[in-house]
Amino acid sequence: MLDKQKKKELSTAYAQTFRSMGVYQIRNTENGKLYVDGTMDLDGARNRLEFMKQTKLNTIIELQRDWNTYGGDCFVFEELDRIKPKEEIITDKAELKQYRDEVKTLLELWLDKLQPYGDNGYNRPKR
């Protein structure tokens, strides 16, 4: 059994470890519609979709109607852009914010490029 100090050290090390971040799309293979999003953890986003398929639960409200119609198996995860880290470990909060801003900027570029709104996708257009 791990003692509290060791658990805390492991937790801190995990929190500071770089995870691949960037922009992804979830594409409906039946109708081609896209859901585009940015994340600080691409592997986590991919795993979340796989978990949703296995449990037949969907937490992405925008996809719900087509998820109910076609089933989760017609949705595929595709990585669009990945941010390369400067360091393996991120300890500085300002640096973390910089990466978040970079993800947000990349997301806006991909949304402009793919226009996943209305008949093309599941994203809601900005007002």
N, C-alpha and C. Protein backbone atom coordinates (compact mmCIF):
# COMPACT_ATOMS: atom_id res chain seq x y z
N MET A 1 0.85 -1.19 0.00
CA MET A 1 0.00 0.00 0.00
C MET A 1 0.89 1.25 0.00
N LEU A 2 0.51 2.23 -0.81
CA LEU A 2 1.29 3.46 -0.90
C LEU A 2 0.98 4.38 0.27
N ASP A 3 2.03 4.98 0.83
CA ASP A 3 1.76 5.95 1.88
C ASP A 3 1.34 7.28 1.26
N LYS A 4 0.81 8.18 2.07
CA LYS A 4 0.27 9.44 1.57
C LYS A 4 1.30 10.27 0.82
N GLN A 5 2.52 10.35 1.34
CA GLN A 5 3.58 11.15 0.72
C GLN A 5 3.91 10.62 -0.68
N LYS A 6 4.04 9.30 -0.79
CA LYS A 6 4.36 8.69 -2.09
C LYS A 6 3.23 8.92 -3.09
N LYS A 7 1.98 8.78 -2.63
CA LYS A 7 0.83 9.04 -3.49
C LYS A 7 0.85 10.47 -4.00
N LYS A 8 1.16 11.41 -3.08
CA LYS A 8 1.19 12.82 -3.45
C LYS A 8 2.29 13.08 -4.49
N GLU A 9 3.45 12.46 -4.30
CA GLU A 9 4.57 12.62 -5.25
C GLU A 9 4.18 12.07 -6.62
N LEU A 10 3.57 10.89 -6.64
CA LEU A 10 3.16 10.28 -7.91
C LEU A 10 2.09 11.13 -8.61
N SER A 11 1.16 11.65 -7.82
CA SER A 11 0.09 12.48 -8.36
C SER A 11 0.66 13.77 -8.97
N THR A 12 1.58 14.40 -8.26
CA THR A 12 2.22 15.62 -8.76
C THR A 12 3.02 15.34 -10.03
N ALA A 13 3.77 14.24 -10.03
CA ALA A 13 4.56 13.87 -11.21
C ALA A 13 3.65 13.64 -12.41
N TYR A 14 2.52 12.95 -12.19
CA TYR A 14 1.58 12.69 -13.29
C TYR A 14 0.99 14.00 -13.80
N ALA A 15 0.60 14.88 -12.90
CA ALA A 15 -0.02 16.15 -13.29
C ALA A 15 0.93 17.00 -14.11
N GLN A 16 2.23 16.88 -13.84
CA GLN A 16 3.21 17.70 -14.53
C GLN A 16 3.73 17.06 -15.81
N THR A 17 3.43 15.78 -16.01
CA THR A 17 3.90 15.08 -17.20
C THR A 17 3.18 15.60 -18.42
N PHE A 18 3.93 15.81 -19.47
CA PHE A 18 3.33 16.31 -20.71
C PHE A 18 2.45 15.24 -21.32
N ARG A 19 1.23 15.62 -21.65
CA ARG A 19 0.33 14.76 -22.41
C ARG A 19 0.11 15.44 -23.76
N SER A 20 -0.03 14.63 -24.79
CA SER A 20 -0.20 15.20 -26.12
C SER A 20 -1.47 16.04 -26.16
N MET A 21 -1.32 17.26 -26.64
CA MET A 21 -2.47 18.17 -26.71
C MET A 21 -2.61 18.65 -28.14
N GLY A 22 -3.83 19.09 -28.45
CA GLY A 22 -4.04 19.57 -29.80
C GLY A 22 -5.52 19.58 -30.16
N VAL A 23 -5.78 19.38 -31.45
CA VAL A 23 -7.14 19.48 -31.98
C VAL A 23 -7.50 18.14 -32.64
N TYR A 24 -8.75 17.73 -32.45
CA TYR A 24 -9.23 16.48 -33.02
C TYR A 24 -10.63 16.68 -33.59
N GLN A 25 -11.03 15.70 -34.39
CA GLN A 25 -12.42 15.68 -34.86
C GLN A 25 -12.99 14.30 -34.58
N ILE A 26 -14.28 14.29 -34.33
CA ILE A 26 -15.03 13.04 -34.28
C ILE A 26 -15.91 13.08 -35.52
N ARG A 27 -15.66 12.12 -36.42
CA ARG A 27 -16.36 12.11 -37.71
C ARG A 27 -17.39 10.99 -37.75
N ASN A 28 -18.58 11.35 -38.21
CA ASN A 28 -19.65 10.37 -38.41
C ASN A 28 -19.44 9.74 -39.78
N THR A 29 -19.14 8.45 -39.80
CA THR A 29 -18.85 7.78 -41.08
C THR A 29 -20.10 7.56 -41.92
N GLU A 30 -21.29 7.72 -41.33
CA GLU A 30 -22.54 7.54 -42.07
C GLU A 30 -22.90 8.79 -42.89
N ASN A 31 -22.72 9.97 -42.30
CA ASN A 31 -23.14 11.19 -43.00
C ASN A 31 -22.04 12.24 -43.16
N GLY A 32 -20.84 11.94 -42.66
CA GLY A 32 -19.71 12.84 -42.85
C GLY A 32 -19.66 14.04 -41.92
N LYS A 33 -20.65 14.17 -41.04
CA LYS A 33 -20.66 15.33 -40.14
C LYS A 33 -19.51 15.23 -39.14
N LEU A 34 -19.00 16.41 -38.74
CA LEU A 34 -17.84 16.49 -37.86
C LEU A 34 -18.15 17.21 -36.56
N TYR A 35 -17.48 16.77 -35.51
CA TYR A 35 -17.43 17.52 -34.27
C TYR A 35 -15.96 17.81 -34.04
N VAL A 36 -15.58 19.09 -33.97
CA VAL A 36 -14.17 19.48 -33.84
C VAL A 36 -13.97 20.12 -32.47
N ASP A 37 -12.89 19.70 -31.79
CA ASP A 37 -12.62 20.25 -30.46
C ASP A 37 -11.12 20.24 -30.20
N GLY A 38 -10.72 21.02 -29.20
CA GLY A 38 -9.33 21.07 -28.77
C GLY A 38 -9.24 20.51 -27.37
N THR A 39 -8.08 19.95 -27.03
CA THR A 39 -7.90 19.34 -25.71
C THR A 39 -6.45 19.42 -25.25
N MET A 40 -6.30 19.39 -23.95
CA MET A 40 -4.96 19.32 -23.35
C MET A 40 -4.51 17.87 -23.21
N ASP A 41 -5.34 16.91 -23.66
CA ASP A 41 -5.03 15.49 -23.54
C ASP A 41 -5.71 14.71 -24.68
N LEU A 42 -5.01 14.61 -25.82
CA LEU A 42 -5.56 13.92 -26.99
C LEU A 42 -5.85 12.45 -26.71
N ASP A 43 -4.94 11.78 -25.99
CA ASP A 43 -5.16 10.36 -25.70
C ASP A 43 -6.40 10.19 -24.82
N GLY A 44 -6.58 11.10 -23.87
CA GLY A 44 -7.76 11.05 -23.01
C GLY A 44 -9.04 11.23 -23.81
N ALA A 45 -9.03 12.15 -24.78
CA ALA A 45 -10.21 12.38 -25.63
C ALA A 45 -10.51 11.14 -26.47
N ARG A 46 -9.46 10.51 -27.01
CA ARG A 46 -9.62 9.28 -27.80
C ARG A 46 -10.21 8.17 -26.92
N ASN A 47 -9.65 8.02 -25.72
CA ASN A 47 -10.13 6.99 -24.79
C ASN A 47 -11.58 7.23 -24.38
N ARG A 48 -11.94 8.50 -24.21
CA ARG A 48 -13.31 8.85 -23.83
C ARG A 48 -14.30 8.38 -24.89
N LEU A 49 -13.96 8.59 -26.18
CA LEU A 49 -14.86 8.14 -27.26
C LEU A 49 -14.98 6.62 -27.24
N GLU A 50 -13.86 5.92 -27.06
CA GLU A 50 -13.90 4.46 -27.02
C GLU A 50 -14.74 3.97 -25.84
N PHE A 51 -14.61 4.63 -24.69
CA PHE A 51 -15.41 4.27 -23.52
C PHE A 51 -16.89 4.49 -23.79
N MET A 52 -17.21 5.62 -24.43
CA MET A 52 -18.61 5.92 -24.75
C MET A 52 -19.18 4.86 -25.69
N LYS A 53 -18.37 4.39 -26.63
CA LYS A 53 -18.85 3.34 -27.55
C LYS A 53 -19.11 2.04 -26.79
N GLN A 54 -18.19 1.67 -25.90
CA GLN A 54 -18.34 0.42 -25.15
C GLN A 54 -19.54 0.44 -24.21
N THR A 55 -19.77 1.58 -23.59
CA THR A 55 -20.87 1.67 -22.62
C THR A 55 -22.18 2.10 -23.27
N LYS A 56 -22.11 2.41 -24.58
CA LYS A 56 -23.26 2.88 -25.33
C LYS A 56 -23.86 4.15 -24.73
N LEU A 57 -23.01 4.95 -24.09
CA LEU A 57 -23.41 6.23 -23.51
C LEU A 57 -22.69 7.33 -24.27
N ASN A 58 -23.38 8.43 -24.46
CA ASN A 58 -22.77 9.56 -25.15
C ASN A 58 -22.85 10.79 -24.26
N THR A 59 -21.73 11.43 -24.04
CA THR A 59 -21.72 12.64 -23.21
C THR A 59 -21.54 13.90 -24.06
N ILE A 60 -21.42 13.73 -25.36
CA ILE A 60 -21.28 14.90 -26.25
C ILE A 60 -22.68 15.21 -26.80
N ILE A 61 -23.34 16.15 -26.18
CA ILE A 61 -24.74 16.46 -26.47
C ILE A 61 -24.99 16.76 -27.95
N GLU A 62 -24.04 17.44 -28.58
CA GLU A 62 -24.22 17.83 -29.99
C GLU A 62 -24.39 16.60 -30.90
N LEU A 63 -23.78 15.48 -30.50
CA LEU A 63 -23.83 14.26 -31.32
C LEU A 63 -25.06 13.39 -31.02
N GLN A 64 -25.79 13.71 -29.97
CA GLN A 64 -26.79 12.80 -29.40
C GLN A 64 -27.79 12.25 -30.42
N ARG A 65 -28.38 13.11 -31.23
CA ARG A 65 -29.42 12.64 -32.16
C ARG A 65 -28.85 11.60 -33.13
N ASP A 66 -27.70 11.91 -33.75
CA ASP A 66 -27.12 10.97 -34.71
C ASP A 66 -26.56 9.74 -34.00
N TRP A 67 -26.08 9.90 -32.77
CA TRP A 67 -25.60 8.76 -31.96
C TRP A 67 -26.77 7.79 -31.75
N ASN A 68 -27.95 8.33 -31.44
CA ASN A 68 -29.14 7.49 -31.23
C ASN A 68 -29.57 6.83 -32.53
N THR A 69 -29.46 7.56 -33.65
CA THR A 69 -29.89 7.05 -34.95
C THR A 69 -28.94 5.97 -35.49
N TYR A 70 -27.63 6.28 -35.52
CA TYR A 70 -26.66 5.39 -36.17
C TYR A 70 -25.89 4.49 -35.21
N GLY A 71 -25.88 4.83 -33.93
CA GLY A 71 -25.07 4.08 -32.97
C GLY A 71 -23.67 4.66 -32.88
N GLY A 72 -23.01 4.40 -31.78
CA GLY A 72 -21.69 4.97 -31.52
C GLY A 72 -20.59 4.48 -32.44
N ASP A 73 -20.77 3.27 -33.01
CA ASP A 73 -19.70 2.69 -33.82
C ASP A 73 -19.43 3.44 -35.12
N CYS A 74 -20.34 4.30 -35.55
CA CYS A 74 -20.09 5.03 -36.80
C CYS A 74 -19.29 6.32 -36.53
N PHE A 75 -18.92 6.57 -35.27
CA PHE A 75 -18.12 7.76 -34.96
C PHE A 75 -16.66 7.38 -34.78
N VAL A 76 -15.78 8.08 -35.50
CA VAL A 76 -14.34 7.80 -35.42
C VAL A 76 -13.58 9.04 -34.94
N PHE A 77 -12.53 8.79 -34.18
CA PHE A 77 -11.66 9.84 -33.64
C PHE A 77 -10.52 10.06 -34.61
N GLU A 78 -10.27 11.32 -34.98
CA GLU A 78 -9.16 11.64 -35.87
C GLU A 78 -8.42 12.86 -35.34
N GLU A 79 -7.12 12.67 -35.13
CA GLU A 79 -6.28 13.76 -34.65
C GLU A 79 -5.98 14.69 -35.83
N LEU A 80 -6.20 15.99 -35.62
CA LEU A 80 -5.96 16.97 -36.69
C LEU A 80 -4.64 17.70 -36.51
N ASP A 81 -4.29 18.01 -35.28
CA ASP A 81 -3.09 18.80 -35.01
C ASP A 81 -2.60 18.50 -33.61
N ARG A 82 -1.29 18.37 -33.46
CA ARG A 82 -0.68 18.05 -32.17
C ARG A 82 0.36 19.12 -31.85
N ILE A 83 0.38 19.54 -30.60
CA ILE A 83 1.35 20.54 -30.16
C ILE A 83 2.58 19.83 -29.61
N LYS A 84 3.73 20.24 -30.09
CA LYS A 84 5.00 19.67 -29.63
C LYS A 84 5.46 20.44 -28.39
N PRO A 85 5.74 19.72 -27.30
CA PRO A 85 6.17 20.41 -26.08
C PRO A 85 7.62 20.86 -26.16
N LYS A 86 7.91 21.91 -25.38
CA LYS A 86 9.30 22.35 -25.27
C LYS A 86 10.03 21.50 -24.24
N GLU A 87 9.27 21.05 -23.23
CA GLU A 87 9.83 20.26 -22.13
C GLU A 87 8.98 19.01 -21.93
N GLU A 88 9.56 18.00 -21.27
CA GLU A 88 8.80 16.80 -20.93
C GLU A 88 7.87 17.06 -19.76
N ILE A 89 8.28 17.96 -18.86
CA ILE A 89 7.49 18.24 -17.67
C ILE A 89 7.13 19.71 -17.64
N ILE A 90 5.87 19.99 -17.37
CA ILE A 90 5.39 21.37 -17.28
C ILE A 90 5.13 21.68 -15.81
N THR A 91 5.93 22.59 -15.25
CA THR A 91 5.75 22.95 -13.84
C THR A 91 5.24 24.38 -13.69
N ASP A 92 5.48 25.17 -14.70
CA ASP A 92 5.13 26.59 -14.64
C ASP A 92 3.69 26.80 -15.11
N LYS A 93 2.86 27.41 -14.26
CA LYS A 93 1.45 27.65 -14.61
C LYS A 93 1.32 28.58 -15.82
N ALA A 94 2.23 29.53 -15.95
CA ALA A 94 2.19 30.44 -17.10
C ALA A 94 2.45 29.67 -18.40
N GLU A 95 3.34 28.70 -18.33
CA GLU A 95 3.64 27.88 -19.52
C GLU A 95 2.42 27.02 -19.88
N LEU A 96 1.75 26.50 -18.86
CA LEU A 96 0.54 25.70 -19.08
C LEU A 96 -0.54 26.56 -19.75
N LYS A 97 -0.70 27.78 -19.29
CA LYS A 97 -1.68 28.71 -19.88
C LYS A 97 -1.32 28.99 -21.34
N GLN A 98 -0.03 29.13 -21.60
CA GLN A 98 0.44 29.37 -22.97
C GLN A 98 0.03 28.20 -23.88
N TYR A 99 0.19 26.97 -23.38
CA TYR A 99 -0.22 25.80 -24.16
C TYR A 99 -1.74 25.80 -24.38
N ARG A 100 -2.50 26.15 -23.33
CA ARG A 100 -3.97 26.21 -23.46
C ARG A 100 -4.36 27.21 -24.54
N ASP A 101 -3.69 28.37 -24.52
CA ASP A 101 -3.97 29.40 -25.53
C ASP A 101 -3.63 28.90 -26.93
N GLU A 102 -2.54 28.14 -27.02
CA GLU A 102 -2.12 27.59 -28.31
C GLU A 102 -3.17 26.60 -28.83
N VAL A 103 -3.70 25.75 -27.94
CA VAL A 103 -4.75 24.80 -28.32
C VAL A 103 -5.98 25.57 -28.80
N LYS A 104 -6.35 26.61 -28.07
CA LYS A 104 -7.53 27.41 -28.42
C LYS A 104 -7.36 28.06 -29.81
N THR A 105 -6.17 28.59 -30.08
CA THR A 105 -5.89 29.22 -31.37
C THR A 105 -5.95 28.19 -32.50
N LEU A 106 -5.34 27.02 -32.28
CA LEU A 106 -5.39 25.95 -33.28
C LEU A 106 -6.83 25.53 -33.55
N LEU A 107 -7.62 25.41 -32.48
CA LEU A 107 -9.03 25.02 -32.63
C LEU A 107 -9.76 26.02 -33.51
N GLU A 108 -9.55 27.29 -33.26
CA GLU A 108 -10.23 28.32 -34.08
C GLU A 108 -9.82 28.23 -35.54
N LEU A 109 -8.54 27.94 -35.80
CA LEU A 109 -8.07 27.79 -37.19
C LEU A 109 -8.77 26.60 -37.87
N TRP A 110 -8.87 25.47 -37.15
CA TRP A 110 -9.52 24.28 -37.71
C TRP A 110 -11.01 24.49 -37.89
N LEU A 111 -11.64 25.20 -36.96
CA LEU A 111 -13.08 25.49 -37.11
C LEU A 111 -13.31 26.35 -38.35
N ASP A 112 -12.43 27.35 -38.57
CA ASP A 112 -12.54 28.19 -39.77
C ASP A 112 -12.35 27.36 -41.04
N LYS A 113 -11.40 26.45 -40.99
CA LYS A 113 -11.08 25.64 -42.17
C LYS A 113 -12.19 24.62 -42.49
N LEU A 114 -12.69 23.91 -41.46
CA LEU A 114 -13.63 22.81 -41.69
C LEU A 114 -15.09 23.21 -41.64
N GLN A 115 -15.40 24.32 -40.97
CA GLN A 115 -16.78 24.81 -40.86
C GLN A 115 -17.75 23.69 -40.46
N PRO A 116 -17.53 23.06 -39.29
CA PRO A 116 -18.38 21.94 -38.88
C PRO A 116 -19.70 22.39 -38.24
N TYR A 117 -20.46 23.17 -38.99
CA TYR A 117 -21.71 23.74 -38.47
C TYR A 117 -22.88 23.30 -39.34
N GLY A 118 -24.07 23.33 -38.78
CA GLY A 118 -25.28 23.02 -39.56
C GLY A 118 -25.22 21.65 -40.18
N ASP A 119 -25.39 21.58 -41.51
CA ASP A 119 -25.38 20.30 -42.21
C ASP A 119 -24.00 19.65 -42.25
N ASN A 120 -22.94 20.43 -41.99
CA ASN A 120 -21.57 19.90 -42.05
C ASN A 120 -21.10 19.31 -40.74
N GLY A 121 -21.75 19.67 -39.63
CA GLY A 121 -21.22 19.16 -38.38
C GLY A 121 -22.07 19.46 -37.17
N TYR A 122 -21.45 19.23 -36.04
CA TYR A 122 -22.14 19.28 -34.76
C TYR A 122 -21.76 20.50 -33.91
N ASN A 123 -20.74 21.24 -34.32
CA ASN A 123 -20.33 22.41 -33.55
C ASN A 123 -21.36 23.52 -33.69
N ARG A 124 -21.45 24.34 -32.68
CA ARG A 124 -22.32 25.50 -32.73
C ARG A 124 -21.52 26.69 -33.20
N PRO A 125 -22.06 27.46 -34.16
CA PRO A 125 -21.30 28.63 -34.62
C PRO A 125 -21.20 29.67 -33.51
N LYS A 126 -20.08 30.39 -33.51
CA LYS A 126 -19.91 31.47 -32.52
C LYS A 126 -20.81 32.61 -32.89
N ARG A 127 -21.28 33.32 -31.87
CA ARG A 127 -22.17 34.47 -32.11
C ARG A 127 -21.36 35.70 -32.41
